[in-house]
Amino acid sequence: MAATALPPLPPQFKSIQHHLRTAQELDKREPVVAYYCRLYAMQTGMKIDSKTPECRKFLSKLMDQLEAMKKQFGDNEAITQEIVGSAHVENYALKMFLYADNEDRAGQFHKNMIKSFYTASLLIDVLTVFGELSEENAQHRKYARWKAAYIHNCLKNGETPQPGPIGMEGESFADVEREEAGSSSLHSGTTQPTSSSTYEANNIPTSNYTGIHIPPGAHAPANTPAEVPHNTGVTSNTIQPAPQNIPLVDPSLYSAQTAGEVRLTPEDFARAQKYCKYAGSALQYEDVSTAVQNLQKALKLLITGRE
């Protein structure tokens, strides 16, 4: 990846250190996701402080990394087209979420799954570079952060966590972040995490999750192959891909005729393109069901002008 080494992380940018470390962890196996993690860090850093010398120097080097990646992966549509990149990052974030959620529901509590919940929440942060989060992704982010903190605190205190969505008050995320900060520092002297690293107060979920219903597989492709995070030294039972339930093709699409008065707007074309991109991204994970659903939505929109 980018050869440009980052200078030490300014204290003002503490909130993006974990997104940058996630980028480094994904550089080799998921460079597209790593690129957008850095882009999120860049945009967030610019909002925090782009004037002080140390912050300007750091952002300048980070920009160099982004430019180097853009040249390296210039022929990758997920880098050159935001709509493809958004689908790619979202699918990977939900893949991490699904792995952790399946482990949680199976009662397999370990550091891998805590880190997967944690990483999923960071990657959903990254989705904000493409625009406002959907309500569903916002809920997944809150749930993943809460689950990571809850399970971590239970294991730390010698307690057995309860699997799945349960009614719990907000958990402190400080210990999870401290452990992540201490597990590995950013390469090339990028940062030395402080022991007091915590999420901003307004990012710590304090909701009760009793009423949130998240059925297995509803939030990510049901057959997404689970991927245990690399280099954690923890073994776990691999979750086998679930049998696919392929949706029936809407028979009305076979005989549908484009009405003469249908006029597709630029927004309609953009939505149809988005459905096709989501279908293509789903196929990267061999998720036929999601691909078929999105292709049908695109076809219906183009034929009838309605979703």
Protein backbone atom coordinates (compact mmCIF):
# COMPACT_ATOMS: atom_id res chain seq x y z
CA MET A 1 0.00 0.00 0.00
CA ALA A 2 0.94 3.58 0.59
CA ALA A 3 4.64 3.97 1.27
CA THR A 4 4.18 7.37 2.87
CA ALA A 5 4.55 7.04 6.63
CA LEU A 6 2.24 9.08 8.77
CA PRO A 7 3.65 11.35 11.46
CA PRO A 8 2.56 10.87 15.08
CA LEU A 9 -1.19 11.21 15.52
CA PRO A 10 -2.10 14.62 17.00
CA PRO A 11 -4.14 14.33 20.22
CA GLN A 12 -6.99 16.16 18.48
CA PHE A 13 -7.39 13.19 16.13
CA LYS A 14 -7.72 10.54 18.83
CA SER A 15 -11.24 9.70 17.66
CA ILE A 16 -10.01 8.47 14.25
CA GLN A 17 -7.04 6.37 15.38
CA HIS A 18 -9.06 3.15 15.34
CA HIS A 19 -10.35 3.81 11.82
CA LEU A 20 -6.75 4.30 10.66
CA ARG A 21 -5.62 1.09 12.35
CA THR A 22 -8.52 -0.76 10.73
CA ALA A 23 -7.30 0.58 7.39
CA GLN A 24 -3.84 -0.86 8.04
CA GLU A 25 -5.28 -4.22 9.06
CA LEU A 26 -7.29 -4.39 5.82
CA ASP A 27 -4.64 -3.03 3.42
CA LYS A 28 -3.76 -6.40 1.93
CA ARG A 29 -7.04 -8.31 1.94
CA GLU A 30 -9.55 -5.47 1.53
CA PRO A 31 -7.76 -2.45 0.03
CA VAL A 32 -11.03 -0.81 -1.08
CA VAL A 33 -12.34 -0.80 2.49
CA ALA A 34 -8.93 0.40 3.71
CA TYR A 35 -9.06 3.30 1.24
CA TYR A 36 -12.45 4.47 2.49
CA CYS A 37 -11.36 4.10 6.13
CA ARG A 38 -8.58 6.59 5.36
CA LEU A 39 -10.97 8.85 3.46
CA TYR A 40 -13.29 8.88 6.48
CA ALA A 41 -10.34 9.71 8.74
CA MET A 42 -9.30 12.50 6.36
CA GLN A 43 -12.75 14.07 6.20
CA THR A 44 -13.27 13.76 9.95
CA GLY A 45 -9.83 15.17 10.70
CA MET A 46 -10.50 18.17 8.45
CA LYS A 47 -13.62 18.92 10.47
CA ILE A 48 -11.80 18.58 13.79
CA ASP A 49 -8.71 20.71 13.08
CA SER A 50 -7.11 21.62 9.77
CA LYS A 51 -5.24 24.73 10.95
CA THR A 52 -2.71 23.83 13.62
CA PRO A 53 0.70 22.85 12.15
CA GLU A 54 0.78 19.28 13.49
CA CYS A 55 -2.74 18.57 12.26
CA ARG A 56 -2.05 20.07 8.85
CA LYS A 57 1.11 17.98 8.53
CA PHE A 58 -0.72 14.81 9.49
CA LEU A 59 -3.60 15.47 7.08
CA SER A 60 -1.16 16.27 4.29
CA LYS A 61 0.58 12.90 4.70
CA LEU A 62 -2.76 11.14 4.93
CA MET A 63 -3.79 12.83 1.69
CA ASP A 64 -0.58 11.51 0.10
CA GLN A 65 -1.58 7.98 1.14
CA LEU A 66 -5.02 8.42 -0.39
CA GLU A 67 -3.57 9.71 -3.64
CA ALA A 68 -1.12 6.80 -3.79
CA MET A 69 -3.94 4.31 -3.28
CA LYS A 70 -6.05 6.03 -5.90
CA LYS A 71 -3.24 5.60 -8.43
CA GLN A 72 -2.62 2.02 -7.41
CA PHE A 73 -6.28 1.03 -7.68
CA GLY A 74 -7.32 3.49 -10.36
CA ASP A 75 -8.98 0.77 -12.43
CA ASN A 76 -11.16 -0.44 -9.55
CA GLU A 77 -14.76 0.77 -9.88
CA ALA A 78 -15.20 0.64 -6.12
CA ILE A 79 -12.59 3.42 -5.89
CA THR A 80 -13.64 5.47 -8.90
CA GLN A 81 -17.41 5.21 -8.41
CA GLU A 82 -18.84 6.03 -5.01
CA ILE A 83 -22.01 4.03 -5.57
CA VAL A 84 -19.94 0.87 -6.05
CA GLY A 85 -17.65 1.76 -3.16
CA SER A 86 -20.62 2.30 -0.86
CA ALA A 87 -22.03 -1.13 -1.66
CA HIS A 88 -18.62 -2.75 -1.17
CA VAL A 89 -17.97 -1.17 2.23
CA GLU A 90 -21.50 -1.82 3.43
CA ASN A 91 -21.34 -5.50 2.47
CA TYR A 92 -18.03 -5.94 4.25
CA ALA A 93 -19.27 -4.16 7.38
CA LEU A 94 -22.36 -6.36 7.48
CA LYS A 95 -20.20 -9.41 6.88
CA MET A 96 -18.25 -8.59 10.04
CA PHE A 97 -21.49 -7.89 11.90
CA LEU A 98 -23.00 -11.21 10.80
CA TYR A 99 -19.96 -13.20 11.92
CA ALA A 100 -20.08 -11.59 15.37
CA ASP A 101 -23.85 -11.89 15.66
CA ASN A 102 -23.81 -15.58 14.74
CA GLU A 103 -21.06 -16.26 17.26
CA ASP A 104 -23.00 -14.30 19.89
CA ARG A 105 -26.24 -16.20 19.27
CA ALA A 106 -24.33 -19.50 19.40
CA GLY A 107 -22.92 -18.54 22.81
CA GLN A 108 -19.34 -18.44 21.47
CA PHE A 109 -17.92 -15.46 23.34
CA HIS A 110 -14.29 -14.57 22.57
CA LYS A 111 -12.04 -11.72 21.52
CA ASN A 112 -12.56 -12.40 17.81
CA MET A 113 -16.26 -11.74 17.98
CA ILE A 114 -15.82 -8.69 20.21
CA LYS A 115 -13.37 -7.26 17.71
CA SER A 116 -15.73 -8.08 14.84
CA PHE A 117 -18.61 -6.19 16.49
CA TYR A 118 -16.21 -3.33 17.16
CA THR A 119 -14.82 -3.27 13.62
CA ALA A 120 -18.32 -3.44 12.13
CA SER A 121 -19.28 -0.31 14.06
CA LEU A 122 -16.17 1.49 12.77
CA LEU A 123 -16.93 0.52 9.18
CA ILE A 124 -20.48 1.78 9.50
CA ASP A 125 -18.92 5.07 10.61
CA VAL A 126 -17.02 4.97 7.32
CA LEU A 127 -20.29 4.69 5.37
CA THR A 128 -21.01 8.30 6.29
CA VAL A 129 -18.52 9.40 3.60
CA PHE A 130 -21.24 8.44 1.11
CA GLY A 131 -24.02 10.33 2.87
CA GLU A 132 -26.38 9.97 5.80
CA LEU A 133 -26.68 6.49 7.31
CA SER A 134 -29.85 4.53 6.80
CA GLU A 135 -31.87 3.92 9.95
CA GLU A 136 -30.99 0.23 9.72
CA ASN A 137 -27.25 0.85 9.59
CA ALA A 138 -27.49 3.39 12.41
CA GLN A 139 -29.18 0.72 14.54
CA HIS A 140 -26.55 -1.86 13.60
CA ARG A 141 -23.79 0.54 14.62
CA LYS A 142 -25.34 1.23 18.02
CA TYR A 143 -26.06 -2.44 18.59
CA ALA A 144 -22.54 -3.52 17.59
CA ARG A 145 -20.93 -0.97 19.91
CA TRP A 146 -23.16 -1.94 22.76
CA LYS A 147 -22.59 -5.67 22.23
CA ALA A 148 -18.81 -5.24 22.06
CA ALA A 149 -18.81 -3.31 25.34
CA TYR A 150 -21.31 -5.61 27.06
CA ILE A 151 -19.54 -8.87 26.17
CA HIS A 152 -16.10 -7.42 26.92
CA ASN A 153 -17.23 -6.22 30.35
CA CYS A 154 -18.91 -9.55 31.14
CA LEU A 155 -15.79 -11.55 30.30
CA LYS A 156 -13.61 -9.10 32.19
CA ASN A 157 -15.78 -9.54 35.31
CA GLY A 158 -15.96 -13.34 34.99
CA GLU A 159 -19.61 -13.30 34.00
CA THR A 160 -21.33 -15.22 31.22
CA PRO A 161 -22.91 -12.87 28.66
CA GLN A 162 -26.46 -13.43 27.52
CA PRO A 163 -26.60 -14.13 23.77
CA GLY A 164 -28.63 -12.14 21.29
CA PRO A 165 -30.54 -8.87 21.79
CA ILE A 166 -31.38 -8.40 25.46
CA GLY A 167 -32.45 -5.59 27.71
CA MET A 168 -29.33 -3.91 29.04
CA GLU A 169 -28.43 -0.41 30.04
CA GLY A 170 -25.55 1.27 28.25
CA GLU A 171 -22.11 -0.21 28.76
CA SER A 172 -18.88 1.76 28.98
CA PHE A 173 -16.86 1.43 25.80
CA ALA A 174 -13.63 2.72 27.34
CA ASP A 175 -12.14 -0.69 28.16
CA VAL A 176 -12.79 -2.05 24.68
CA GLU A 177 -11.09 0.94 23.12
CA ARG A 178 -8.15 0.76 25.51
CA GLU A 179 -7.65 -2.89 24.67
CA GLU A 180 -7.83 -2.18 20.95
CA ALA A 181 -5.46 0.75 21.33
CA GLY A 182 -2.98 -1.38 23.22
CA SER A 183 -3.25 -4.43 20.95
CA SER A 184 -1.31 -2.83 18.12
CA SER A 185 -0.11 0.65 17.38
CA LEU A 186 -0.24 2.22 13.94
CA HIS A 187 2.79 1.38 11.84
CA SER A 188 5.75 3.65 11.20
CA GLY A 189 5.27 5.67 14.34
CA THR A 190 1.87 6.88 13.24
CA THR A 191 0.51 7.08 16.75
CA GLN A 192 1.05 6.04 20.29
CA PRO A 193 -2.42 5.44 21.72
CA THR A 194 -2.98 6.82 25.13
CA SER A 195 -4.35 4.71 27.96
CA SER A 196 -7.22 7.10 28.46
CA SER A 197 -8.58 6.65 24.94
CA THR A 198 -12.37 6.69 25.00
CA TYR A 199 -15.23 7.30 22.67
CA GLU A 200 -16.82 10.70 22.77
CA ALA A 201 -19.69 10.68 25.23
CA ASN A 202 -22.31 11.20 22.55
CA ASN A 203 -21.13 8.05 20.77
CA ILE A 204 -21.68 5.69 23.68
CA PRO A 205 -25.06 3.98 23.29
CA THR A 206 -27.20 4.17 26.41
CA SER A 207 -30.36 2.73 24.92
CA ASN A 208 -32.20 -0.34 26.12
CA TYR A 209 -32.16 -2.92 23.32
CA THR A 210 -35.04 -5.10 24.52
CA GLY A 211 -37.30 -3.90 21.71
CA ILE A 212 -34.82 -4.30 18.86
CA HIS A 213 -35.49 -7.43 16.86
CA ILE A 214 -32.52 -8.53 14.77
CA PRO A 215 -33.27 -12.00 13.37
CA PRO A 216 -30.25 -14.05 12.30
CA GLY A 217 -29.17 -13.20 8.77
CA ALA A 218 -31.65 -10.35 8.35
CA HIS A 219 -28.93 -7.73 8.47
CA ALA A 220 -26.44 -9.37 6.13
CA PRO A 221 -26.38 -12.04 3.41
CA ALA A 222 -27.47 -15.28 5.04
CA ASN A 223 -24.76 -17.27 3.28
CA THR A 224 -21.93 -14.83 3.81
CA PRO A 225 -18.86 -16.91 4.68
CA ALA A 226 -17.69 -16.08 8.18
CA GLU A 227 -14.17 -14.74 8.33
CA VAL A 228 -12.31 -14.92 11.61
CA PRO A 229 -10.12 -11.80 11.88
CA HIS A 230 -6.48 -12.58 11.11
CA ASN A 231 -3.64 -12.84 13.61
CA THR A 232 -5.78 -12.97 16.72
CA GLY A 233 -4.56 -16.35 17.93
CA VAL A 234 -8.08 -17.41 18.86
CA THR A 235 -9.73 -20.41 17.29
CA SER A 236 -13.44 -20.72 16.84
CA ASN A 237 -15.92 -22.99 15.18
CA THR A 238 -16.30 -21.86 11.59
CA ILE A 239 -19.86 -20.95 10.72
CA GLN A 240 -20.87 -22.83 7.63
CA PRO A 241 -22.73 -20.98 4.89
CA ALA A 242 -26.47 -21.23 5.41
CA PRO A 243 -28.65 -22.77 2.68
CA GLN A 244 -29.84 -20.07 0.34
CA ASN A 245 -33.49 -19.21 -0.04
CA ILE A 246 -33.70 -17.95 -3.60
CA PRO A 247 -36.66 -15.59 -4.07
CA LEU A 248 -39.13 -16.36 -6.82
CA VAL A 249 -38.92 -14.08 -9.80
CA ASP A 250 -41.98 -11.85 -9.99
CA PRO A 251 -43.95 -13.36 -12.92
CA SER A 252 -45.43 -9.98 -13.75
CA LEU A 253 -41.99 -8.84 -14.91
CA TYR A 254 -42.06 -11.33 -17.77
CA SER A 255 -45.15 -9.81 -19.32
CA ALA A 256 -44.78 -6.22 -18.16
CA GLN A 257 -44.88 -3.61 -20.88
CA THR A 258 -43.37 -0.18 -20.53
CA ALA A 259 -46.25 2.28 -20.38
CA GLY A 260 -45.98 4.98 -22.98
CA GLU A 261 -46.41 7.74 -20.47
CA VAL A 262 -43.66 6.51 -18.12
CA ARG A 263 -40.89 9.08 -17.92
CA LEU A 264 -37.88 8.06 -15.92
CA THR A 265 -36.15 10.85 -14.01
CA PRO A 266 -32.40 11.08 -13.40
CA GLU A 267 -33.14 9.94 -9.85
CA ASP A 268 -34.88 6.82 -11.22
CA PHE A 269 -31.84 5.96 -13.33
CA ALA A 270 -29.57 6.52 -10.33
CA ARG A 271 -31.69 4.21 -8.15
CA ALA A 272 -31.76 1.52 -10.83
CA GLN A 273 -27.99 1.76 -11.14
CA LYS A 274 -27.65 1.51 -7.39
CA TYR A 275 -29.74 -1.69 -7.31
CA CYS A 276 -27.55 -3.20 -10.04
CA LYS A 277 -24.36 -2.24 -8.17
CA TYR A 278 -25.73 -3.78 -4.97
CA ALA A 279 -26.54 -6.94 -6.89
CA GLY A 280 -23.01 -7.10 -8.25
CA SER A 281 -21.53 -6.53 -4.81
CA ALA A 282 -23.77 -9.26 -3.32
CA LEU A 283 -22.47 -11.72 -5.90
CA GLN A 284 -18.94 -11.09 -4.63
CA TYR A 285 -20.15 -12.91 -1.51
CA GLU A 286 -22.11 -15.50 -3.53
CA ASP A 287 -25.34 -14.08 -2.14
CA VAL A 288 -27.74 -15.02 -4.94
CA SER A 289 -30.87 -14.07 -2.99
CA THR A 290 -29.84 -10.46 -2.44
CA ALA A 291 -28.60 -10.19 -6.02
CA VAL A 292 -31.92 -11.43 -7.43
CA GLN A 293 -33.94 -9.11 -5.21
CA ASN A 294 -31.95 -6.06 -6.25
CA LEU A 295 -32.03 -6.94 -9.94
CA GLN A 296 -35.80 -7.36 -9.77
CA LYS A 297 -36.13 -3.95 -8.11
CA ALA A 298 -34.06 -2.38 -10.87
CA LEU A 299 -36.05 -4.11 -13.60
CA LYS A 300 -39.40 -3.13 -12.13
CA LEU A 301 -38.31 0.47 -11.75
CA LEU A 302 -37.11 0.66 -15.35
CA ILE A 303 -40.25 -0.98 -16.76
CA THR A 304 -42.94 0.69 -14.68
CA GLY A 305 -41.28 3.79 -13.31
CA ARG A 306 -42.24 2.62 -9.82
CA GLU A 307 -40.52 0.68 -7.08
